[in-house]
Amino acid sequence: MFATKTLPLSSPFPNANRFPDTNLTFTNSTAVKKVGHKLSSNRLLSSCLKTASEALVAPEIHSVPAQSRVKILSEALPFIQKFRGKTIVVKYGGAAMKSEALQASVIADLVLLSCVGLRIVFVHGGGPEINQWLGRLGIQPNFLNGLRVTDASTMEIVSMVLVGKVNKHLVALINKAGATAVGLSGIDGCLLTARPAPNSAQLGFVGDISSVDTSVLRPLIDNYHIPVIASVAADKEGQSYNINADTAAGELAAALGAEKLILLTDVAGILENRDEPGSLVKEIDIKGVKKMMDDGKIAGGMIPKVNCCVRSLAQGVRTASIIDGRLQHSLLLEILTDAGAGTMITG
C-alpha cells in the first residue's frame, strides 16, 4: 500500500470560507482526504474529485495497478500546473455529440479539467437534433454552402431545440457527473449580439456576431462553474439568429482572453494530404495554415473552422486546436499530454 502524498496546490475554488484548507491528500488516486478537515462532508467537491480521478485513469480504474495509476496522475501534473486557472473554450459537436459513449467521455473530461482548476466554457450546436425535430414537423432542412437556411419557422425550432432541449440535457449531464453547469444562450445577458449574415437574403435568420459582453460569464467562471452556451443570439431589436457554433466559440474565446480554443470535429485534424489519414499536421502557425489554404490543402468544411481559429488567435487567444471528437477522452489527450489529439494552431 502506498504512503499518503500531500499535493500543496492552491485551491481552484476562490471562496475561502467554503474550502479554507487547500492541501489535498490523495491515497491510491481515488481516496480523497483533507488535512485537518473532513472533505467527505462536502458532497459536491468529493464527488467532483472522484469523477475526475476515474476519468483520468480510464473507466476500468480498478483493473489498473495502483503503481500505474499513480504514474499517470504524476505525469499529468505539469500540464495541470500549466493550465490551472486558465480559461479553455470548448466547442462541442460532430460525432462526439451523436454517440452516447463519446458524449460521456467529453462530459467526464470537462468535469476532471474543472476539478483540477481549469476554467471551462462549453459552447454547443446541435445540427442532427434540429434536423430530427424539423423532420417530425414535416419541414425539410435546407443548406447553402454548409449553413442552414433558417426561415422564421425554422428559427423557432432551432431555438427550442438548442436552448430548451440540448442545452439543458448537457447541463444535467455535467451536474450529474459532479461539476456545476449553468445553461445559457447568446441571448442571455446580451452575451452575444447578432447581426444578419452578408447573404441573409438567401440564408434567412443566420447571423454573424457583432459584439460580445462577457459580464454574465465572468462570475460563473471565477467560481469554477461551467457555462454551457447554445449558439443562438439576438440583434438589438430582439430578433433571434442561428449562429455557427464554431464562430460563437471563437469570439467568446477572444473576448475572454482564453488560453486555448478547442474545436471538436469529425476528422483527425488538419491533414497535409486530405486523402492520407496518417498525414496529420500536429502543430502549425497562422502563416502555415494560410499557405495550406492557398495551396488547396485545406478545403470544404475545414475552411470555416480554420478561419475561426485564425481569427481568435489574431485577437489574443494563445493556441487553437482542431481535435478528433471521435476519439475517447480526446480533450484530456489534447490538454494533459504531449501527444495531443489533433492539430494545434499557434499565433
Protein backbone atom coordinates (compact mmCIF):
# COMPACT_ATOMS: atom_id res chain seq x y z
CA MET A 1 0.00 0.00 0.00
CA PHE A 2 1.31 3.43 -0.89
CA ALA A 3 2.03 6.16 1.57
CA THR A 4 -0.29 9.13 1.53
CA LYS A 5 1.12 12.02 -0.51
CA THR A 6 0.11 15.64 0.00
CA LEU A 7 -0.08 17.90 -3.05
CA PRO A 8 0.49 21.54 -1.98
CA LEU A 9 -1.58 23.07 -4.75
CA SER A 10 -3.60 26.24 -4.35
CA SER A 11 -7.33 25.60 -4.42
CA PRO A 12 -9.22 26.22 -7.67
CA PHE A 13 -12.12 27.38 -5.54
CA PRO A 14 -11.65 31.04 -4.55
CA ASN A 15 -14.30 31.13 -1.82
CA ALA A 16 -12.13 30.61 1.25
CA ASN A 17 -14.94 30.02 3.70
CA ARG A 18 -16.09 27.02 1.67
CA PHE A 19 -12.69 25.35 1.34
CA PRO A 20 -10.36 27.03 3.86
CA ASP A 21 -7.61 24.43 3.66
CA THR A 22 -6.15 23.89 0.20
CA ASN A 23 -3.91 20.87 0.89
CA LEU A 24 -5.49 17.81 -0.68
CA THR A 25 -4.28 14.32 0.14
CA PHE A 26 -4.60 11.52 -2.41
CA THR A 27 -4.32 7.84 -1.48
CA ASN A 28 -4.27 5.26 -4.30
CA SER A 29 -5.53 8.09 -6.58
CA THR A 30 -9.20 7.68 -5.61
CA ALA A 31 -9.50 8.04 -1.84
CA VAL A 32 -9.51 11.75 -1.00
CA LYS A 33 -8.96 13.31 2.42
CA LYS A 34 -8.48 16.87 3.56
CA VAL A 35 -5.76 17.68 6.07
CA GLY A 36 -7.40 18.93 9.26
CA HIS A 37 -10.93 18.79 7.79
CA LYS A 38 -13.44 16.19 6.60
CA LEU A 39 -13.68 16.74 2.86
CA SER A 40 -16.27 13.96 2.60
CA SER A 41 -18.77 16.32 4.23
CA ASN A 42 -18.68 18.43 1.09
CA ARG A 43 -20.54 16.14 -1.26
CA LEU A 44 -20.08 18.33 -4.35
CA LEU A 45 -16.30 18.56 -4.18
CA SER A 46 -15.73 14.93 -3.17
CA SER A 47 -18.00 13.73 -5.99
CA CYS A 48 -16.22 16.04 -8.41
CA LEU A 49 -12.76 14.79 -7.46
CA LYS A 50 -13.85 11.13 -7.54
CA THR A 51 -15.30 11.57 -11.04
CA ALA A 52 -12.17 13.42 -12.14
CA SER A 53 -9.83 10.69 -10.94
CA GLU A 54 -11.85 7.98 -12.64
CA ALA A 55 -11.95 9.90 -15.94
CA LEU A 56 -8.19 10.47 -15.91
CA VAL A 57 -7.17 6.88 -15.32
CA ALA A 58 -9.88 5.31 -17.55
CA PRO A 59 -13.18 3.61 -16.71
CA GLU A 60 -11.50 0.33 -15.76
CA ILE A 61 -9.78 2.09 -12.86
CA HIS A 62 -9.76 -0.90 -10.53
CA SER A 63 -8.15 -3.15 -13.14
CA VAL A 64 -5.14 -0.82 -13.45
CA PRO A 65 -2.35 -1.47 -10.93
CA ALA A 66 -2.06 1.22 -8.27
CA GLN A 67 1.53 2.00 -9.33
CA SER A 68 0.37 2.71 -12.89
CA ARG A 69 -2.45 4.94 -11.67
CA VAL A 70 -0.07 7.00 -9.56
CA LYS A 71 2.34 7.28 -12.51
CA ILE A 72 -0.45 8.52 -14.79
CA LEU A 73 -1.50 11.16 -12.29
CA SER A 74 2.06 12.33 -11.65
CA GLU A 75 2.77 12.65 -15.37
CA ALA A 76 -0.33 14.83 -15.78
CA LEU A 77 0.79 17.23 -13.04
CA PRO A 78 2.97 19.55 -15.23
CA PHE A 79 0.07 20.02 -17.64
CA ILE A 80 -2.36 20.69 -14.80
CA GLN A 81 0.02 23.30 -13.42
CA LYS A 82 0.40 24.89 -16.85
CA PHE A 83 -3.34 25.32 -17.43
CA ARG A 84 -4.52 25.76 -13.84
CA GLY A 85 -6.60 28.94 -13.55
CA LYS A 86 -6.61 29.45 -17.36
CA THR A 87 -9.77 29.73 -19.45
CA ILE A 88 -10.36 26.99 -22.04
CA VAL A 89 -13.24 27.36 -24.52
CA VAL A 90 -14.50 24.06 -25.95
CA LYS A 91 -16.85 23.83 -28.92
CA TYR A 92 -18.83 20.60 -28.81
CA GLY A 93 -20.40 18.95 -31.85
CA GLY A 94 -19.95 16.30 -34.51
CA ALA A 95 -19.53 12.61 -33.67
CA ALA A 96 -18.85 13.38 -30.01
CA MET A 97 -22.37 14.76 -29.77
CA LYS A 98 -24.13 11.94 -31.61
CA SER A 99 -22.56 9.00 -29.75
CA GLU A 100 -23.63 8.40 -26.15
CA ALA A 101 -20.26 6.81 -25.32
CA LEU A 102 -18.32 9.77 -26.72
CA GLN A 103 -20.71 12.19 -25.03
CA ALA A 104 -19.98 10.53 -21.68
CA SER A 105 -16.26 10.79 -22.43
CA VAL A 106 -16.48 14.52 -23.14
CA ILE A 107 -18.53 15.18 -20.00
CA ALA A 108 -16.05 13.23 -17.84
CA ASP A 109 -13.17 15.19 -19.37
CA LEU A 110 -14.86 18.52 -18.65
CA VAL A 111 -15.52 17.60 -15.03
CA LEU A 112 -11.95 16.46 -14.48
CA LEU A 113 -10.48 19.60 -16.03
CA SER A 114 -12.76 21.80 -13.97
CA CYS A 115 -11.87 19.93 -10.78
CA VAL A 116 -8.13 20.45 -11.26
CA GLY A 117 -8.59 24.18 -11.72
CA LEU A 118 -9.20 24.91 -15.40
CA ARG A 119 -11.92 27.45 -16.20
CA ILE A 120 -14.08 25.71 -18.80
CA VAL A 121 -16.55 27.39 -21.17
CA PHE A 122 -18.59 24.88 -23.19
CA VAL A 123 -20.23 26.00 -26.47
CA HIS A 124 -22.52 23.72 -28.46
CA GLY A 125 -24.62 23.48 -31.56
CA GLY A 126 -26.96 20.59 -32.34
CA GLY A 127 -27.49 20.15 -36.06
CA PRO A 128 -28.60 16.48 -36.07
CA GLU A 129 -31.11 17.10 -33.27
CA ILE A 130 -32.52 20.11 -35.15
CA ASN A 131 -32.89 18.03 -38.32
CA GLN A 132 -34.69 15.33 -36.36
CA TRP A 133 -37.26 17.76 -34.97
CA LEU A 134 -37.72 19.50 -38.31
CA GLY A 135 -38.46 16.09 -39.80
CA ARG A 136 -41.07 15.39 -37.13
CA LEU A 137 -42.80 18.63 -38.07
CA GLY A 138 -42.59 17.94 -41.80
CA ILE A 139 -40.05 20.70 -42.50
CA GLN A 140 -37.29 19.83 -44.96
CA PRO A 141 -33.81 21.01 -43.82
CA ASN A 142 -32.13 23.23 -46.40
CA PHE A 143 -28.45 24.19 -46.54
CA LEU A 144 -26.46 26.72 -48.54
CA ASN A 145 -22.64 26.42 -48.56
CA GLY A 146 -22.78 24.37 -45.38
CA LEU A 147 -25.01 26.85 -43.50
CA ARG A 148 -28.58 26.07 -42.52
CA VAL A 149 -31.16 28.19 -44.37
CA THR A 150 -33.22 29.49 -41.45
CA ASP A 151 -36.65 30.98 -42.10
CA ALA A 152 -38.90 32.14 -39.27
CA SER A 153 -40.41 28.70 -38.55
CA THR A 154 -37.01 27.00 -38.69
CA MET A 155 -35.56 29.64 -36.35
CA GLU A 156 -38.29 28.85 -33.85
CA ILE A 157 -37.37 25.15 -33.94
CA VAL A 158 -33.63 25.97 -33.70
CA SER A 159 -34.22 27.99 -30.53
CA MET A 160 -36.49 25.38 -28.98
CA VAL A 161 -34.09 22.50 -29.66
CA LEU A 162 -30.76 24.19 -28.85
CA VAL A 163 -31.82 26.30 -25.87
CA GLY A 164 -34.67 24.27 -24.45
CA LYS A 165 -33.54 20.69 -25.07
CA VAL A 166 -29.88 20.16 -25.97
CA ASN A 167 -28.57 22.83 -23.61
CA LYS A 168 -30.47 21.59 -20.58
CA HIS A 169 -29.59 17.97 -21.33
CA LEU A 170 -25.88 18.83 -21.31
CA VAL A 171 -26.24 20.87 -18.12
CA ALA A 172 -27.94 17.92 -16.42
CA LEU A 173 -25.19 15.51 -17.52
CA ILE A 174 -22.41 17.77 -16.21
CA ASN A 175 -24.21 18.32 -12.91
CA LYS A 176 -24.77 14.59 -12.54
CA ALA A 177 -21.06 13.98 -13.15
CA GLY A 178 -20.14 16.16 -10.18
CA ALA A 179 -19.44 19.65 -11.52
CA THR A 180 -21.76 22.67 -11.56
CA ALA A 181 -23.00 23.71 -15.00
CA VAL A 182 -25.13 26.74 -15.89
CA GLY A 183 -27.08 26.78 -19.16
CA LEU A 184 -27.10 29.94 -21.26
CA SER A 185 -27.61 31.07 -24.82
CA GLY A 186 -26.07 34.05 -26.57
CA ILE A 187 -29.27 35.95 -25.82
CA ASP A 188 -28.82 35.74 -22.02
CA GLY A 189 -27.23 38.85 -20.54
CA CYS A 190 -26.63 40.12 -24.10
CA LEU A 191 -23.73 37.68 -24.15
CA LEU A 192 -23.69 37.65 -27.96
CA THR A 193 -25.24 40.39 -30.09
CA ALA A 194 -26.05 39.25 -33.61
CA ARG A 195 -26.29 40.93 -36.96
CA PRO A 196 -27.60 39.46 -40.23
CA ALA A 197 -25.08 37.49 -42.25
CA PRO A 198 -23.95 39.19 -45.50
CA ASN A 199 -26.03 36.76 -47.59
CA SER A 200 -29.06 36.92 -45.29
CA ALA A 201 -31.38 37.24 -48.30
CA GLN A 202 -30.60 33.60 -49.10
CA LEU A 203 -29.90 32.30 -45.56
CA GLY A 204 -32.67 33.98 -43.60
CA PHE A 205 -32.07 34.31 -39.86
CA VAL A 206 -28.45 33.20 -39.90
CA GLY A 207 -26.29 35.72 -38.10
CA ASP A 208 -22.78 36.90 -37.50
CA ILE A 209 -21.60 38.20 -34.13
CA SER A 210 -21.33 41.98 -33.86
CA SER A 211 -20.30 42.16 -30.19
CA VAL A 212 -19.63 40.04 -27.09
CA ASP A 213 -20.38 41.03 -23.50
CA THR A 214 -18.82 38.54 -21.07
CA SER A 215 -20.03 40.21 -17.84
CA VAL A 216 -22.60 37.46 -17.25
CA LEU A 217 -19.93 34.77 -17.72
CA ARG A 218 -17.12 36.03 -15.52
CA PRO A 219 -18.73 35.40 -12.10
CA LEU A 220 -19.55 31.85 -13.22
CA ILE A 221 -16.03 31.19 -14.48
CA ASP A 222 -14.42 32.76 -11.42
CA ASN A 223 -16.41 30.35 -9.22
CA TYR A 224 -15.42 27.37 -11.39
CA HIS A 225 -18.91 26.76 -12.70
CA ILE A 226 -19.10 25.53 -16.30
CA PRO A 227 -21.15 27.81 -18.59
CA VAL A 228 -22.89 25.74 -21.27
CA ILE A 229 -23.75 28.07 -24.14
CA ALA A 230 -26.19 27.41 -27.00
CA SER A 231 -25.23 29.13 -30.25
CA VAL A 232 -28.32 31.32 -30.58
CA ALA A 233 -28.14 35.12 -30.35
CA ALA A 234 -30.35 38.16 -30.90
CA ASP A 235 -29.84 41.53 -32.56
CA LYS A 236 -30.51 44.86 -30.85
CA GLU A 237 -34.19 44.64 -31.80
CA GLY A 238 -34.54 41.23 -30.14
CA GLN A 239 -34.73 39.17 -33.34
CA SER A 240 -33.16 35.74 -32.79
CA TYR A 241 -30.47 34.37 -35.11
CA ASN A 242 -28.88 31.00 -35.66
CA ILE A 243 -25.12 31.36 -35.07
CA ASN A 244 -22.45 28.92 -36.23
CA ALA A 245 -21.16 27.25 -33.05
CA ASP A 246 -17.52 27.39 -34.17
CA THR A 247 -17.85 31.13 -34.72
CA ALA A 248 -19.53 31.63 -31.33
CA ALA A 249 -16.78 29.67 -29.56
CA GLY A 250 -14.02 31.61 -31.32
CA GLU A 251 -15.49 35.01 -30.50
CA LEU A 252 -16.09 34.03 -26.86
CA ALA A 253 -12.53 32.74 -26.55
CA ALA A 254 -11.20 36.06 -27.86
CA ALA A 255 -13.42 38.15 -25.59
CA LEU A 256 -12.45 36.10 -22.52
CA GLY A 257 -8.73 36.17 -23.30
CA ALA A 258 -8.74 32.39 -23.30
CA GLU A 259 -5.57 30.36 -23.11
CA LYS A 260 -6.95 27.84 -25.58
CA LEU A 261 -9.80 27.28 -28.03
CA ILE A 262 -10.68 23.67 -28.82
CA LEU A 263 -12.99 22.61 -31.65
CA LEU A 264 -14.23 19.01 -31.52
CA THR A 265 -14.77 17.72 -35.05
CA ASP A 266 -15.27 14.52 -37.06
CA VAL A 267 -11.77 14.31 -38.56
CA ALA A 268 -8.31 13.75 -37.12
CA GLY A 269 -7.40 17.42 -37.62
CA ILE A 270 -5.67 19.25 -40.47
CA LEU A 271 -4.15 16.78 -42.92
CA GLU A 272 -1.16 17.53 -45.16
CA ASN A 273 -2.82 15.26 -47.72
CA ARG A 274 -6.62 15.04 -47.43
CA ASP A 275 -6.53 11.51 -48.89
CA GLU A 276 -3.98 10.29 -46.33
CA PRO A 277 -5.43 9.95 -42.78
CA GLY A 278 -1.90 9.44 -41.48
CA SER A 279 -0.68 12.83 -42.70
CA LEU A 280 -1.91 14.73 -39.65
CA VAL A 281 -0.28 18.10 -39.05
CA LYS A 282 0.31 18.13 -35.29
CA GLU A 283 1.26 21.81 -34.97
CA ILE A 284 1.25 24.75 -37.36
CA ASP A 285 1.22 28.55 -37.17
CA ILE A 286 -1.13 31.06 -38.81
CA LYS A 287 1.25 31.62 -41.72
CA GLY A 288 1.41 27.88 -42.34
CA VAL A 289 -2.37 27.32 -42.39
CA LYS A 290 -2.87 30.28 -44.72
CA LYS A 291 -0.36 28.76 -47.13
CA MET A 292 -2.15 25.40 -46.91
CA MET A 293 -5.44 27.11 -47.78
CA ASP A 294 -3.80 28.93 -50.69
CA ASP A 295 -2.42 25.59 -51.90
CA GLY A 296 -5.86 23.98 -51.67
CA LYS A 297 -4.79 21.54 -48.95
CA ILE A 298 -7.45 22.88 -46.59
CA ALA A 299 -10.87 22.91 -48.20
CA GLY A 300 -14.56 22.28 -47.66
CA GLY A 301 -15.87 22.26 -44.10
CA MET A 302 -12.38 22.65 -42.63
CA ILE A 303 -12.03 26.20 -44.03
CA PRO A 304 -14.52 27.90 -41.66
CA LYS A 305 -13.03 26.02 -38.70
CA VAL A 306 -9.51 27.15 -39.57
CA ASN A 307 -10.70 30.72 -40.20
CA CYS A 308 -12.40 30.68 -36.80
CA CYS A 309 -9.15 29.59 -35.16
CA VAL A 310 -7.08 32.18 -37.02
CA ARG A 311 -9.47 34.97 -36.06
CA SER A 312 -9.39 34.00 -32.38
CA LEU A 313 -5.58 33.81 -32.39
CA ALA A 314 -5.38 37.24 -34.00
CA GLN A 315 -7.46 38.57 -31.10
CA GLY A 316 -5.17 37.21 -28.39
CA VAL A 317 -6.08 33.55 -27.80
CA ARG A 318 -2.81 31.70 -27.14
CA THR A 319 -3.47 28.48 -29.09
CA ALA A 320 -6.37 26.92 -31.01
CA SER A 321 -6.80 23.20 -31.61
CA ILE A 322 -8.96 21.22 -34.00
CA ILE A 323 -9.20 17.77 -32.45
CA ASP A 324 -10.74 14.40 -33.22
CA GLY A 325 -14.04 14.20 -31.34
CA ARG A 326 -14.38 10.54 -32.37
CA LEU A 327 -11.50 9.66 -30.05
CA GLN A 328 -12.48 8.82 -26.47
CA HIS A 329 -11.13 11.33 -23.91
CA SER A 330 -9.72 13.47 -26.72
CA LEU A 331 -9.93 16.58 -24.51
CA LEU A 332 -7.65 15.02 -21.90
CA LEU A 333 -5.24 13.84 -24.58
CA GLU A 334 -5.09 17.36 -26.02
CA ILE A 335 -4.62 19.21 -22.73
CA LEU A 336 -2.85 16.77 -20.39
CA THR A 337 -0.38 15.06 -22.76
CA ASP A 338 2.35 15.99 -25.23
CA ALA A 339 0.78 13.81 -27.92
CA GLY A 340 -2.44 15.83 -28.30
CA ALA A 341 -5.47 14.66 -30.21
CA GLY A 342 -5.44 16.74 -33.40
CA THR A 343 -3.88 19.89 -34.84
CA MET A 344 -2.77 22.82 -32.69
CA ILE A 345 -2.55 26.22 -34.40
CA THR A 346 -0.35 28.90 -32.88
CA GLY A 347 -0.16 32.64 -33.50
